[in-house]
Amino acid sequence: MVAAGFNLRKIRTSQTFGEKLRRARKRLQVDLIEAELSTKVRAKYIEALEREDFELLPSDIYVRGFLATYSQYLGLDAEKTWEEYQLEKRGRKDLPDETFSTKKIATGKTFIVTPKIATIFFSCLFCAAAAVYVVLQVLSFSSVPKLSIISPANDSVVEVENITISGKTDTGASIKINQESVSVDSSGNFQRDVSLQNGINTIVVSAENKANKIAEETVIVEKKVKTAENKP
C-alpha cells in the first residue's frame, strides 16, 4: 500500500558499457554470428566487449578499430563508445592501463626501436655477414680442392685400347691427367680419353686451385691382351 501523497517512480539504473552494446545488438535482433558476418569483427571479441572480459581482448590499438566498426553497425556514437570503454577499463583494478606508455618506458618494460638503434643493428648485421664471407674465402683458399673420380673404378680390368677418365672438382680448379691439362666445365666436371698399354696402367689425376693447393687421385687400370679364344 502506498501512503497518501506519495507516487511510485521506477528508478532507472545506468547501463554499463557492455550492457549498452548488448542491448543495442538485441534491438537489431541479431546474434553474435550475424554481427560477426556483418562487421568482420570476430564473435569472440564482440562477446568479450559485451561481457566486459577485457582480458580476452587484444591490444587497445585493435580494440579501438573493433569498437568503431561495431558502434557504427549498432547505430552508436563511436567516439563516445570508445570513451566509455576506456573509463570502464580504467575502473578495473586488475587490468594494466595501456594509456600510460611513458610509465612503461620509465620502468624499462617497453622497448622502442629508434632509427639510431635500427642503424646500429643493421650495421652490426652487415659486419657479421662480411666477416663470415671473409672467413669462408680464406678457408676455400687454404684447403685443397675437392677431387672425385667417377669412372673408371680403381683396379679395373679391361680389354679396350682407350678408356675415359671422368670426374668432378671445385669450380675454378684446374685438372691434369698424367701431367696433361684437361678442360673443366663451369660446374667442375671433366673427362678425357686415355690410351692404355698392355698390363698395369697407373693414371694420376691432380686438381689445383688458385691458392696452388693440390689434390691427387690415382686409378689403376689393367689392360688384358685379347687371346684367340676371346676374339670374335
Protein backbone atom coordinates (compact mmCIF):
# COMPACT_ATOMS: atom_id res chain seq x y z
CA MET A 1 0.00 0.00 0.00
CA VAL A 2 1.26 3.45 -0.90
CA ALA A 3 0.90 6.24 1.61
CA ALA A 4 -1.25 9.20 0.63
CA GLY A 5 0.61 11.93 -1.19
CA PHE A 6 3.39 9.65 -2.50
CA ASN A 7 3.79 8.35 -6.05
CA LEU A 8 5.83 5.33 -7.09
CA ARG A 9 8.66 6.06 -9.52
CA LYS A 10 10.78 3.48 -11.31
CA ILE A 11 14.44 4.23 -10.75
CA ARG A 12 16.44 3.55 -13.87
CA THR A 13 19.99 2.40 -13.27
CA SER A 14 22.67 3.48 -15.75
CA GLN A 15 23.80 0.88 -18.23
CA THR A 16 27.31 -0.40 -18.12
CA PHE A 17 29.49 -0.28 -21.20
CA GLY A 18 28.86 -3.94 -22.04
CA GLU A 19 25.13 -3.78 -21.41
CA LYS A 20 24.81 -0.83 -23.76
CA LEU A 21 26.42 -2.80 -26.58
CA ARG A 22 24.42 -5.95 -25.87
CA ARG A 23 21.07 -4.14 -25.75
CA ALA A 24 21.84 -2.27 -28.95
CA ARG A 25 22.51 -5.60 -30.66
CA LYS A 26 19.32 -7.11 -29.23
CA ARG A 27 17.34 -4.20 -30.66
CA LEU A 28 18.66 -5.15 -34.09
CA GLN A 29 17.58 -8.75 -33.38
CA VAL A 30 20.89 -10.26 -34.45
CA ASP A 31 23.07 -12.81 -32.73
CA LEU A 32 26.84 -12.81 -32.36
CA ILE A 33 27.42 -14.79 -35.54
CA GLU A 34 25.31 -12.41 -37.62
CA ALA A 35 27.14 -9.47 -36.09
CA GLU A 36 30.48 -11.05 -36.96
CA LEU A 37 29.45 -11.64 -40.58
CA SER A 38 28.27 -8.06 -40.93
CA THR A 39 31.17 -6.30 -39.20
CA LYS A 40 34.05 -8.75 -39.85
CA VAL A 41 34.84 -8.47 -36.12
CA ARG A 42 35.35 -11.89 -34.52
CA ALA A 43 32.35 -13.03 -32.48
CA LYS A 44 34.60 -13.88 -29.54
CA TYR A 45 35.77 -10.25 -29.38
CA ILE A 46 32.22 -8.92 -29.66
CA GLU A 47 31.16 -11.20 -26.82
CA ALA A 48 34.18 -10.16 -24.74
CA LEU A 49 33.24 -6.49 -25.20
CA GLU A 50 29.64 -7.11 -24.23
CA ARG A 51 30.65 -9.18 -21.20
CA GLU A 52 33.45 -6.72 -20.36
CA ASP A 53 36.00 -9.55 -20.35
CA PHE A 54 38.86 -7.21 -21.17
CA GLU A 55 41.44 -9.92 -20.50
CA LEU A 56 40.25 -11.74 -23.65
CA LEU A 57 40.73 -8.70 -25.88
CA PRO A 58 43.87 -7.82 -27.85
CA SER A 59 45.74 -4.52 -27.50
CA ASP A 60 43.69 -1.32 -27.36
CA ILE A 61 45.08 -0.37 -30.77
CA TYR A 62 42.95 -3.16 -32.26
CA VAL A 63 40.04 -2.76 -29.85
CA ARG A 64 39.53 0.84 -30.96
CA GLY A 65 39.09 -0.33 -34.54
CA PHE A 66 36.70 -3.10 -33.43
CA LEU A 67 34.61 -0.63 -31.44
CA ALA A 68 34.47 1.91 -34.28
CA THR A 69 33.14 -0.73 -36.68
CA TYR A 70 30.79 -2.33 -34.15
CA SER A 71 29.44 1.03 -32.92
CA GLN A 72 28.64 2.12 -36.45
CA TYR A 73 26.88 -1.20 -37.03
CA LEU A 74 24.80 -0.74 -33.85
CA GLY A 75 24.00 2.88 -34.57
CA LEU A 76 26.04 4.20 -31.64
CA ASP A 77 28.48 7.07 -31.44
CA ALA A 78 31.93 5.54 -31.99
CA GLU A 79 33.91 8.18 -30.06
CA LYS A 80 31.54 8.07 -27.10
CA THR A 81 31.66 4.27 -27.06
CA TRP A 82 35.47 4.37 -27.06
CA GLU A 83 35.49 6.81 -24.13
CA GLU A 84 33.08 4.59 -22.20
CA TYR A 85 35.30 1.59 -22.89
CA GLN A 86 38.35 3.41 -21.54
CA LEU A 87 36.50 4.56 -18.41
CA GLU A 88 35.18 1.07 -17.77
CA LYS A 89 38.60 -0.48 -18.23
CA ARG A 90 40.35 2.06 -16.03
CA GLY A 91 37.89 1.27 -13.28
CA ARG A 92 39.11 -2.31 -13.22
CA LYS A 93 41.94 -2.55 -10.71
CA ASP A 94 43.16 -5.90 -12.03
CA LEU A 95 43.96 -4.64 -15.53
CA PRO A 96 47.05 -2.77 -16.71
CA ASP A 97 46.45 0.73 -18.02
CA GLU A 98 47.75 0.96 -21.57
CA THR A 99 47.38 4.74 -21.72
CA PHE A 100 50.45 5.46 -19.58
CA SER A 101 53.11 4.42 -22.08
CA THR A 102 55.64 6.86 -20.55
CA LYS A 103 55.46 4.94 -17.30
CA LYS A 104 56.20 1.70 -19.08
CA ILE A 105 59.19 3.28 -20.78
CA ALA A 106 60.49 4.61 -17.48
CA THR A 107 60.32 1.19 -15.85
CA GLY A 108 62.08 -0.42 -18.81
CA LYS A 109 59.19 -2.73 -19.71
CA THR A 110 58.78 -1.35 -23.22
CA PHE A 111 61.47 -1.45 -25.88
CA ILE A 112 61.23 1.18 -28.61
CA VAL A 113 63.12 0.72 -31.87
CA THR A 114 64.50 4.11 -32.88
CA PRO A 115 66.21 4.91 -36.21
CA LYS A 116 69.54 5.01 -34.40
CA ILE A 117 69.03 1.55 -32.91
CA ALA A 118 67.91 0.21 -36.29
CA THR A 119 71.02 1.68 -37.96
CA ILE A 120 73.31 0.12 -35.36
CA PHE A 121 71.56 -3.25 -35.68
CA PHE A 122 71.83 -3.41 -39.48
CA SER A 123 75.43 -2.17 -39.36
CA CYS A 124 76.33 -4.99 -36.99
CA LEU A 125 74.45 -7.45 -39.18
CA PHE A 126 76.36 -6.27 -42.27
CA CYS A 127 79.70 -6.52 -40.46
CA ALA A 128 78.89 -10.04 -39.29
CA ALA A 129 77.94 -11.12 -42.82
CA ALA A 130 81.14 -9.60 -44.21
CA ALA A 131 83.22 -11.39 -41.58
CA VAL A 132 81.59 -14.73 -42.43
CA TYR A 133 82.26 -14.15 -46.13
CA VAL A 134 85.92 -13.39 -45.49
CA VAL A 135 86.32 -16.48 -43.32
CA LEU A 136 84.74 -18.68 -45.99
CA GLN A 137 87.03 -17.21 -48.64
CA VAL A 138 90.11 -17.80 -46.50
CA LEU A 139 89.07 -21.37 -45.82
CA SER A 140 88.45 -22.03 -49.51
CA PHE A 141 91.96 -20.83 -50.39
CA SER A 142 93.68 -22.61 -47.52
CA SER A 143 92.16 -26.02 -48.23
CA VAL A 144 92.90 -28.41 -51.08
CA PRO A 145 90.30 -28.66 -53.83
CA LYS A 146 87.81 -31.48 -53.84
CA LEU A 147 88.50 -34.22 -56.37
CA SER A 148 86.48 -37.33 -57.12
CA ILE A 149 86.93 -39.86 -59.92
CA ILE A 150 83.59 -41.03 -61.27
CA SER A 151 84.94 -43.59 -63.73
CA PRO A 152 86.66 -45.94 -64.13
CA ALA A 153 86.70 -47.71 -60.80
CA ASN A 154 90.12 -48.32 -59.28
CA ASP A 155 91.69 -51.71 -60.07
CA SER A 156 89.51 -52.12 -63.16
CA VAL A 157 90.35 -54.83 -65.71
CA VAL A 158 89.52 -54.04 -69.33
CA GLU A 159 90.32 -55.29 -72.86
CA VAL A 160 89.93 -51.98 -74.71
CA GLU A 161 92.57 -49.71 -76.21
CA ASN A 162 91.27 -46.47 -74.67
CA ILE A 163 89.38 -45.65 -71.51
CA THR A 164 87.50 -42.48 -70.50
CA ILE A 165 88.52 -40.84 -67.23
CA SER A 166 85.73 -38.66 -65.80
CA GLY A 167 85.34 -36.87 -62.50
CA LYS A 168 84.44 -33.70 -60.66
CA THR A 169 86.36 -30.96 -58.85
CA ASP A 170 85.76 -27.49 -57.39
CA THR A 171 84.71 -24.71 -59.75
CA GLY A 172 87.78 -22.78 -60.86
CA ALA A 173 90.24 -25.60 -60.21
CA SER A 174 92.50 -26.92 -62.99
CA ILE A 175 92.83 -30.63 -63.80
CA LYS A 176 95.73 -32.66 -65.11
CA ILE A 177 95.67 -36.34 -66.06
CA ASN A 178 99.15 -37.83 -66.19
CA GLN A 179 100.56 -34.26 -66.31
CA GLU A 180 98.38 -33.29 -69.30
CA SER A 181 95.90 -30.43 -68.82
CA VAL A 182 92.22 -31.26 -69.13
CA SER A 183 89.37 -28.80 -69.67
CA VAL A 184 86.88 -28.34 -66.81
CA ASP A 185 83.33 -27.02 -67.33
CA SER A 186 81.62 -24.35 -65.24
CA SER A 187 80.30 -26.99 -62.82
CA GLY A 188 83.70 -28.60 -62.21
CA ASN A 189 83.09 -31.69 -64.39
CA PHE A 190 85.86 -33.10 -66.58
CA GLN A 191 86.65 -36.11 -68.78
CA ARG A 192 89.47 -37.31 -71.04
CA ASP A 193 90.15 -40.44 -73.10
CA VAL A 194 93.39 -42.16 -72.11
CA SER A 195 95.28 -44.75 -74.20
CA LEU A 196 96.14 -47.96 -72.36
CA GLN A 197 99.15 -50.20 -72.63
CA ASN A 198 99.05 -53.92 -72.10
CA GLY A 199 99.32 -54.75 -68.43
CA ILE A 200 99.06 -52.35 -65.49
CA ASN A 201 98.33 -48.68 -66.21
CA THR A 202 98.71 -46.07 -63.48
CA ILE A 203 96.63 -42.95 -64.10
CA VAL A 204 97.27 -39.93 -61.88
CA VAL A 205 94.62 -37.18 -61.73
CA SER A 206 95.51 -33.91 -59.98
CA ALA A 207 93.40 -30.84 -59.18
CA GLU A 208 94.96 -27.46 -58.35
CA ASN A 209 93.10 -24.37 -57.08
CA LYS A 210 94.04 -20.70 -57.26
CA ALA A 211 95.91 -20.95 -53.95
CA ASN A 212 98.17 -23.61 -55.54
CA LYS A 213 96.74 -26.29 -53.28
CA ILE A 214 96.81 -29.69 -54.99
CA ALA A 215 94.71 -32.82 -54.56
CA GLU A 216 95.60 -36.10 -56.28
CA GLU A 217 93.82 -39.36 -57.02
CA THR A 218 95.41 -42.48 -58.55
CA VAL A 219 93.49 -45.02 -60.61
CA ILE A 220 94.95 -48.42 -61.51
CA VAL A 221 93.61 -50.00 -64.69
CA GLU A 222 94.79 -53.35 -66.05
CA LYS A 223 94.56 -53.97 -69.77
CA LYS A 224 94.33 -57.63 -70.65
CA VAL A 225 95.53 -58.83 -74.03
CA LYS A 226 92.79 -60.42 -76.07
CA THR A 227 93.50 -64.08 -76.60
CA ALA A 228 92.42 -66.11 -79.58
CA GLU A 229 89.58 -67.54 -77.51
CA ASN A 230 88.22 -64.05 -76.73
CA LYS A 231 88.44 -62.78 -80.30
CA PRO A 232 85.14 -62.84 -82.20
